[in-house]
Protein backbone atom coordinates (compact mmCIF):
# COMPACT_ATOMS: atom_id res chain seq x y z
CA MET A 1 70.16 124.35 115.61
CA SER A 2 70.94 121.39 117.82
CA GLN A 3 67.77 119.62 116.69
CA ALA A 4 68.71 120.19 113.04
CA LEU A 5 72.06 118.50 113.65
CA ALA A 6 70.61 115.68 115.73
CA LEU A 7 68.46 114.29 112.88
CA PRO A 8 71.35 113.62 110.41
CA LEU A 9 73.42 112.13 113.24
CA ALA A 10 70.59 109.78 114.19
CA ARG A 11 70.24 108.70 110.57
CA ALA A 12 74.00 108.09 110.37
CA ARG A 13 73.83 105.89 113.45
CA ARG A 14 71.01 103.83 111.93
CA LYS A 15 72.91 103.38 108.65
CA PRO A 16 73.49 99.64 108.10
CA LEU A 17 77.02 98.32 107.85
CA ASN A 18 78.38 97.61 104.40
CA PRO A 19 78.78 93.78 104.11
CA ALA A 20 81.75 94.15 101.77
CA LYS A 21 83.52 96.42 104.26
CA VAL A 22 82.83 93.99 107.10
CA LEU A 23 84.27 91.12 105.04
CA ARG A 24 87.38 93.14 104.19
CA ILE A 25 87.98 93.98 107.84
CA ALA A 26 87.42 90.36 108.87
CA ALA A 27 89.83 89.15 106.17
CA ILE A 28 92.48 91.66 107.29
CA VAL A 29 92.12 90.61 110.93
CA LEU A 30 92.33 86.93 109.98
CA LEU A 31 95.44 87.44 107.84
CA ALA A 32 97.08 89.50 110.59
CA ALA A 33 96.34 86.76 113.13
CA LEU A 34 97.80 84.09 110.82
CA TYR A 35 100.87 86.22 110.18
CA LEU A 36 101.46 86.97 113.87
CA THR A 37 100.88 83.42 115.14
CA PRO A 38 104.49 82.20 114.55
CA LEU A 39 105.85 85.33 116.23
CA VAL A 40 103.58 84.82 119.24
CA VAL A 41 104.68 81.19 119.49
CA VAL A 42 108.33 82.23 119.40
CA LEU A 43 107.80 84.87 122.10
CA LEU A 44 105.91 82.49 124.38
CA SER A 45 108.45 79.69 123.87
CA SER A 46 111.34 82.02 124.66
CA ILE A 47 110.10 82.56 128.24
CA LYS A 48 108.94 79.01 128.99
CA SER A 49 110.68 76.43 131.09
CA PRO A 50 111.79 73.20 129.39
CA ALA A 51 108.79 71.32 130.85
CA GLU A 52 106.33 73.83 129.33
CA LEU A 53 107.72 73.77 125.80
CA ALA A 54 105.76 70.66 124.83
CA ASP A 55 102.58 72.71 124.34
CA ALA A 56 103.47 75.67 122.11
CA LEU A 57 100.18 77.58 122.39
CA THR A 58 99.77 77.62 126.17
CA LEU A 59 100.74 80.59 128.32
CA PRO A 60 103.81 80.13 130.52
CA ALA A 61 103.39 79.88 134.27
CA GLY A 62 106.21 82.40 134.71
CA ILE A 63 109.07 84.09 132.89
CA HIS A 64 112.04 81.76 132.48
CA THR A 65 114.84 84.31 132.02
CA ARG A 66 117.52 81.62 131.86
CA ASN A 67 116.68 81.16 128.18
CA TYR A 68 117.74 84.72 127.38
CA VAL A 69 120.88 84.45 129.49
CA ARG A 70 122.01 81.38 127.58
CA ALA A 71 120.98 82.92 124.27
CA TRP A 72 123.01 86.06 124.92
CA GLU A 73 126.04 84.00 125.86
CA ARG A 74 125.83 82.23 122.49
CA ILE A 75 124.92 85.05 120.10
CA GLY A 76 125.94 88.27 121.91
CA PRO A 77 129.25 88.72 120.00
CA ALA A 78 127.52 87.67 116.76
CA LEU A 79 124.95 90.45 117.18
CA TRP A 80 127.73 93.00 117.35
CA ASN A 81 129.39 91.43 114.31
CA SER A 82 126.11 91.77 112.42
CA VAL A 83 125.94 95.45 113.31
CA LEU A 84 129.51 95.97 112.10
CA ILE A 85 128.70 94.16 108.85
CA THR A 86 125.24 95.58 108.18
CA ALA A 87 125.70 99.30 108.85
CA PRO A 88 128.63 100.00 106.46
CA SER A 89 127.29 97.58 103.85
CA VAL A 90 123.91 99.32 103.75
CA VAL A 91 125.35 102.84 103.68
CA LEU A 92 127.81 102.01 100.89
CA SER A 93 125.39 100.00 98.74
CA VAL A 94 122.63 102.63 99.01
CA LEU A 95 125.04 105.49 98.26
CA VAL A 96 126.68 103.76 95.28
CA GLY A 97 123.28 102.62 93.99
CA ALA A 98 121.92 106.17 94.21
CA ILE A 99 124.98 107.58 92.42
CA ALA A 100 124.59 105.00 89.65
CA ALA A 101 120.85 105.65 89.39
CA PHE A 102 121.28 109.42 88.99
CA PRO A 103 122.62 109.47 85.40
CA LEU A 104 120.38 106.56 84.39
CA SER A 105 117.27 108.51 85.41
CA GLN A 106 118.14 112.19 84.95
CA ILE A 107 120.70 112.31 82.12
CA ARG A 108 120.14 111.03 78.60
CA PHE A 109 123.24 109.46 77.06
CA VAL A 110 124.08 106.78 74.52
CA GLY A 111 124.14 103.29 76.02
CA GLY A 112 122.19 104.23 79.14
CA ARG A 113 119.59 101.51 78.64
CA VAL A 114 122.28 98.90 77.96
CA ILE A 115 124.08 99.77 81.21
CA TYR A 116 120.76 99.68 83.08
CA PHE A 117 119.88 96.22 81.79
CA LEU A 118 123.38 94.94 82.55
CA LEU A 119 122.93 96.08 86.14
CA LEU A 120 119.54 94.36 86.27
CA ALA A 121 121.20 91.16 85.05
CA GLY A 122 123.23 91.18 88.26
CA MET A 123 119.99 90.62 90.18
CA LEU A 124 119.31 87.41 88.27
CA ILE A 125 122.56 85.58 89.08
CA PRO A 126 122.04 82.91 91.78
CA HIS A 127 124.52 83.17 94.61
CA GLN A 128 125.28 79.45 94.41
CA ILE A 129 126.81 79.84 90.94
CA VAL A 130 129.57 82.14 92.20
CA GLN A 131 130.15 80.47 95.56
CA ILE A 132 133.47 78.78 94.69
CA PRO A 133 134.91 81.64 92.58
CA LEU A 134 133.90 84.13 95.26
CA PHE A 135 135.62 82.07 97.95
CA LEU A 136 138.81 81.88 95.88
CA ILE A 137 138.77 85.61 95.11
CA MET A 138 138.24 86.61 98.74
CA ARG A 139 140.97 84.26 99.92
CA GLY A 140 143.33 85.60 97.25
CA LEU A 141 142.65 89.18 98.33
CA GLY A 142 143.25 88.29 101.99
CA LEU A 143 139.66 89.21 102.87
CA TYR A 144 138.41 85.76 103.79
CA ASN A 145 137.01 85.60 107.32
CA THR A 146 137.12 89.38 107.71
CA ILE A 147 134.37 91.93 108.25
CA PRO A 148 135.66 94.23 105.44
CA GLY A 149 135.39 91.23 103.14
CA MET A 150 131.71 90.90 104.06
CA TRP A 151 131.26 94.62 103.31
CA LEU A 152 132.69 94.15 99.82
CA VAL A 153 130.48 91.18 99.01
CA HIS A 154 127.24 92.71 100.28
CA VAL A 155 127.93 96.01 98.52
CA ALA A 156 128.72 94.25 95.25
CA TYR A 157 125.53 92.18 95.39
CA GLY A 158 123.44 95.07 96.67
CA ILE A 159 124.34 97.60 93.97
CA PRO A 160 122.11 96.13 91.19
CA PHE A 161 118.97 96.20 93.34
CA CYS A 162 119.81 99.59 94.86
CA THR A 163 120.37 101.05 91.40
CA PHE A 164 117.12 99.56 90.12
CA PHE A 165 115.14 100.87 93.12
CA MET A 166 116.59 104.38 93.15
CA ARG A 167 116.46 104.75 89.37
CA ASN A 168 112.72 104.10 89.46
CA PHE A 169 112.36 106.48 92.41
CA PHE A 170 114.38 109.25 90.75
CA THR A 171 112.18 109.07 87.64
CA THR A 172 109.28 110.38 89.76
CA ILE A 173 111.23 113.65 90.15
CA PRO A 174 110.71 115.94 87.13
CA ARG A 175 113.79 116.23 84.93
CA SER A 176 112.99 119.93 84.59
CA MET A 177 114.38 120.38 88.11
CA PHE A 178 117.78 119.23 86.88
CA GLU A 179 117.61 121.52 83.86
CA ALA A 180 116.56 124.47 86.04
CA ALA A 181 119.44 123.77 88.42
CA GLN A 182 121.88 123.77 85.51
CA ILE A 183 120.56 127.13 84.32
CA ASP A 184 121.14 128.53 87.80
CA GLY A 185 124.73 127.32 87.71
CA CYS A 186 124.36 124.14 89.79
CA GLY A 187 126.48 121.27 88.48
CA PRO A 188 125.51 117.58 88.48
CA ALA A 189 127.23 116.90 91.81
CA GLY A 190 125.60 119.88 93.49
CA TYR A 191 122.18 118.93 92.13
CA PHE A 192 122.60 115.34 93.29
CA PHE A 193 123.66 116.11 96.86
CA LYS A 194 121.73 119.37 97.48
CA ILE A 195 118.45 118.76 95.62
CA LEU A 196 117.94 115.18 94.48
CA MET A 197 119.04 113.36 97.62
CA PRO A 198 117.05 115.56 100.07
CA ALA A 199 113.98 115.15 97.84
CA SER A 200 114.41 111.36 97.95
CA LEU A 201 114.79 110.75 101.69
CA SER A 202 111.71 108.51 101.85
CA GLY A 203 113.06 106.33 99.03
CA LEU A 204 116.49 106.17 100.62
CA ALA A 205 114.95 105.18 103.96
CA THR A 206 112.88 102.45 102.31
CA LEU A 207 115.88 101.08 100.44
CA ALA A 208 118.01 101.19 103.59
CA ILE A 209 115.43 99.12 105.47
CA ILE A 210 115.20 96.55 102.67
CA GLN A 211 118.98 96.30 102.41
CA SER A 212 119.38 96.10 106.19
CA ARG A 213 116.99 93.16 106.38
CA SER A 214 118.75 91.43 103.49
CA VAL A 215 122.26 91.83 104.93
CA TRP A 216 121.22 91.13 108.54
CA ASN A 217 119.47 87.86 107.64
CA ASP A 218 122.13 86.61 105.22
CA LEU A 219 123.33 83.10 105.95
CA PHE A 220 124.77 82.06 102.60
CA PHE A 221 127.74 84.44 102.53
CA ALA A 222 128.29 83.92 106.27
CA LEU A 223 128.66 80.18 105.69
CA THR A 224 130.93 80.73 102.69
CA LEU A 225 133.18 83.55 103.83
CA THR A 226 133.46 83.31 107.64
CA SER A 227 134.90 80.58 109.82
CA SER A 228 135.45 82.02 113.31
CA PRO A 229 133.19 83.52 116.01
CA ASP A 230 135.14 86.79 115.73
CA THR A 231 133.56 87.54 112.34
CA GLN A 232 130.44 85.37 112.10
CA PRO A 233 127.12 87.27 112.03
CA VAL A 234 124.02 86.35 113.98
CA PRO A 235 122.46 84.00 111.35
CA MET A 236 125.60 81.86 111.59
CA ALA A 237 125.38 81.85 115.39
CA LEU A 238 121.74 80.75 115.19
CA TYR A 239 122.73 78.04 112.74
CA SER A 240 125.41 76.75 115.11
CA PHE A 241 122.76 76.64 117.85
CA LEU A 242 121.17 73.72 116.00
CA GLY A 243 124.29 71.56 116.13
CA GLY A 244 124.36 68.37 118.11
CA MET A 245 121.86 65.60 118.73
CA GLU A 246 119.73 67.54 121.21
CA VAL A 247 118.08 70.88 120.47
CA ASP A 248 117.29 73.20 123.38
CA GLU A 249 114.21 75.02 122.10
CA GLY A 250 113.97 77.66 124.83
CA PRO A 251 117.37 79.32 124.29
CA ILE A 252 116.95 78.98 120.52
CA MET A 253 113.66 80.86 120.62
CA ALA A 254 115.19 83.49 122.91
CA ALA A 255 118.12 83.89 120.52
CA THR A 256 115.65 84.28 117.64
CA VAL A 257 113.86 87.08 119.49
CA LEU A 258 117.15 88.84 120.21
CA SER A 259 118.18 88.57 116.56
CA MET A 260 114.87 90.09 115.41
CA LEU A 261 114.88 93.08 117.77
CA PRO A 262 117.37 95.35 115.91
CA MET A 263 115.54 95.06 112.57
CA LEU A 264 112.19 95.48 114.29
CA ILE A 265 113.38 98.69 115.99
CA VAL A 266 114.76 100.04 112.71
CA PHE A 267 111.50 99.31 110.88
CA LEU A 268 109.33 100.90 113.57
CA ALA A 269 111.56 103.99 113.66
CA PHE A 270 111.33 104.52 109.89
CA GLN A 271 107.87 103.07 109.25
CA LYS A 272 106.36 106.26 107.81
CA ALA A 273 109.29 106.86 105.48
CA PHE A 274 109.17 103.21 104.44
CA THR A 275 105.49 103.52 103.46
CA ARG A 276 106.06 106.75 101.54
CA GLY A 277 109.00 105.23 99.71
CA LEU A 278 107.02 102.17 98.63
CA LEU A 279 104.39 104.50 97.21
CA GLY A 280 106.99 105.86 94.81
CA GLY A 281 107.81 109.17 96.41
CA SER A 282 104.31 110.56 96.92
CA GLY A 283 105.53 112.16 100.16
CA LYS A 284 108.08 114.41 98.46
């Protein structure tokens, strides 16, 4: 029996490699190396001394922790501000987007397509067009330079994309489930919270990651609607790092690493759900 198994195994070992497969693997490795090169440079520069920063690709002689100390002193409060801005903004925009997507995907009614396309139109409006009116509105409401004001803006601009994303995700769930739930006496609200939302966790996780990255990295609204360190998020703190005639690269690179860590941790924690959500709900 062992000899009968040994012959196919020996033939499998002698099987030549597929050139197309080798080229694909080589291309993937090359693209990954190109993509990771800037990140590697940032990491190396963040632990180098000022004298070593001239050569970006060399390894540091030691770990220069002073860069991270100075970076934390400059952007520590801003990191907390970003958390306070990002978490509620993402939760509210994803929830409202999912609620808006439910009738557009599961219920047929007159004017549904018109409402859907009007929401999509909100994704096409450049932020620069509404910069001055938005500033005047927020100042008139007393929300200028406040964290709740940033919530309102990010939720308002996040709803069109969240609705678009969740509407397309909800369409992968058979409408017959909604009809069966109605026959069993489950109303629209019960179906949405007890059946539809649990069946869409991968899509919700994917959307939450996308929205978190968008809100966390936003600089435009931070420049327009905040003016004090008590409310400015981390992109604004990084921007202020570049002020002056001299730029200290080490602390700037360390601050960049610190600003990336929260989003990197979130992505790694929800990586599987993110992949399933991008595939359109195949993991349901």
